[in-house]
Protein backbone atom coordinates (compact mmCIF):
# COMPACT_ATOMS: atom_id res chain seq x y z
CA GLN A 1 119.15 103.89 103.80
CA ASN A 2 116.54 101.93 101.89
CA ALA A 3 113.95 104.42 100.64
CA LEU A 4 110.69 102.51 100.83
CA SER A 5 111.36 100.54 103.99
CA ASP A 6 112.03 103.88 105.67
CA LEU A 7 108.64 105.34 104.75
CA ALA A 8 107.62 105.32 108.36
CA GLY A 9 105.67 108.57 108.45
CA SER A 10 101.94 108.96 108.66
CA THR A 11 99.72 108.09 105.72
CA LEU A 12 97.98 111.19 104.43
CA PRO A 13 94.66 110.47 102.70
CA VAL A 14 94.34 112.69 99.65
CA ASP A 15 90.93 112.93 98.04
CA VAL A 16 91.16 113.98 94.41
CA THR A 17 87.57 112.99 93.67
CA GLY A 18 86.38 114.71 90.55
CA VAL A 19 89.93 115.56 89.59
CA LEU A 20 91.03 112.19 88.27
CA ALA A 21 87.88 110.19 87.61
CA GLN A 22 87.06 109.94 91.31
CA GLN A 23 90.44 108.53 92.24
CA GLN A 24 91.58 108.57 95.85
CA LEU A 25 95.25 108.52 96.71
CA SER A 26 97.21 108.10 99.92
CA LEU A 27 100.59 109.69 100.39
CA LYS A 28 103.10 108.30 102.83
CA LEU A 29 105.89 110.59 103.94
CA GLY A 30 109.40 109.16 103.89
CA SER A 31 111.05 109.87 107.22
CA SER A 32 114.17 108.73 109.01
CA SER A 33 114.14 107.01 112.39
CA ASP A 34 114.58 110.43 114.03
CA GLY A 35 111.65 111.92 112.11
CA ARG A 36 113.54 113.91 109.46
CA ALA A 37 112.20 113.88 105.89
CA LEU A 38 113.97 111.58 103.44
CA CYS A 39 114.69 112.15 99.76
CA ALA A 40 115.27 109.33 97.25
CA VAL A 41 118.69 109.55 95.61
CA ASP A 42 117.95 107.17 92.73
CA SER A 43 117.53 108.62 89.24
CA PRO A 44 113.92 109.71 88.68
CA SER A 45 111.87 108.30 85.82
CA TYR A 46 110.38 111.74 85.10
CA THR A 47 110.81 115.27 86.40
CA VAL A 48 108.24 118.04 86.15
CA SER A 49 107.91 121.54 87.55
CA VAL A 50 104.68 122.10 89.45
CA THR A 51 104.17 125.24 87.37
CA ASP A 52 104.09 123.04 84.24
CA ILE A 53 101.25 120.86 85.55
CA GLY A 54 98.34 122.26 83.57
CA PRO A 55 95.05 123.09 85.29
CA ALA A 56 93.24 121.05 82.65
CA ILE A 57 94.77 117.96 84.27
CA ILE A 58 95.12 118.98 87.93
CA PRO A 59 93.39 122.05 89.44
CA ALA A 60 95.79 124.82 90.40
CA GLY A 61 94.31 125.31 93.89
CA LEU A 62 95.57 121.99 95.26
CA PRO A 63 98.76 121.83 97.35
CA ASP A 64 101.90 121.13 95.32
CA THR A 65 102.41 117.67 96.81
CA VAL A 66 98.84 116.67 95.90
CA ARG A 67 99.32 118.03 92.37
CA CYS A 68 102.56 116.01 92.05
CA ALA A 69 100.84 112.83 93.22
CA ALA A 70 97.82 113.30 90.96
CA HIS A 71 99.99 114.19 87.96
CA CYS A 72 102.29 111.24 88.61
CA THR A 73 99.44 108.73 88.63
CA ALA A 74 97.51 110.37 85.79
CA ARG A 75 100.41 110.76 83.36
CA TYR A 76 102.81 107.97 84.26
CA PRO A 77 101.30 104.51 84.78
CA GLY A 78 103.14 102.61 87.45
CA CYS A 79 104.23 105.74 89.30
CA THR A 80 104.96 104.63 92.87
CA SER A 81 106.53 107.66 94.52
CA PHE A 82 108.00 111.10 94.05
CA ASN A 83 110.44 113.55 95.59
CA TYR A 84 109.05 117.03 96.11
CA TRP A 85 111.64 119.82 96.01
CA ASN A 86 110.19 122.72 97.97
CA LYS A 87 112.23 125.72 96.70
CA ALA A 88 112.25 124.60 93.07
CA ARG A 89 108.60 123.40 93.24
CA ARG A 90 109.74 120.33 91.29
CA CYS A 91 108.57 116.72 91.37
CA ASP A 92 110.95 113.85 90.63
CA MET A 93 108.69 110.89 89.83
CA PHE A 94 109.56 107.21 90.07
CA ASN A 95 107.82 104.38 88.20
CA TYR A 96 109.89 101.92 90.25
CA GLN A 97 110.63 101.64 93.94
CA PRO A 98 113.63 103.83 94.80
CA SER A 99 116.32 101.87 96.60
CA TYR A 100 118.18 104.55 98.52
CA SER A 101 117.28 107.71 100.38
CA THR A 102 118.94 110.27 102.58
CA VAL A 103 118.07 113.44 104.45
CA THR A 104 118.36 116.29 101.95
CA ALA A 105 117.36 119.87 102.76
CA GLY A 106 114.25 120.98 100.86
CA CYS A 107 113.39 117.52 99.49
CA THR A 108 110.73 115.10 100.71
CA LEU A 109 109.95 111.60 99.44
CA PHE A 110 106.31 110.50 99.20
CA ALA A 111 105.02 107.03 98.35
CA ILE A 112 101.69 106.91 96.48
CA SER A 113 98.99 104.31 96.91
CA SER A 114 95.35 103.96 96.01
CA PRO A 115 93.35 102.78 99.03
CA GLN A 116 91.43 99.58 98.37
């Protein structure tokens, strides 16, 4: 399946005002036609553990997916999306549009955008 054309889930507005110079982000969940979460299978540009995202950059109290999105856009210009691995609490970040995705247990693909 094509990863980004399958991002058919709801857009989740994420307000990180005050965290990243008043930046607002929207996350779009990658989901299959039957509603199951998708995971990009392309090689990530960067991988980071949520526990390694320092509170000086992203406050620790935010949900992991929000921390991944904020870290991705703050540290890696051009970051378009990320996989979030629930058990490992790991973010695979992409600075390009992933081409392929599949249903993978414990992994969810999110596209990142800044609302205009």
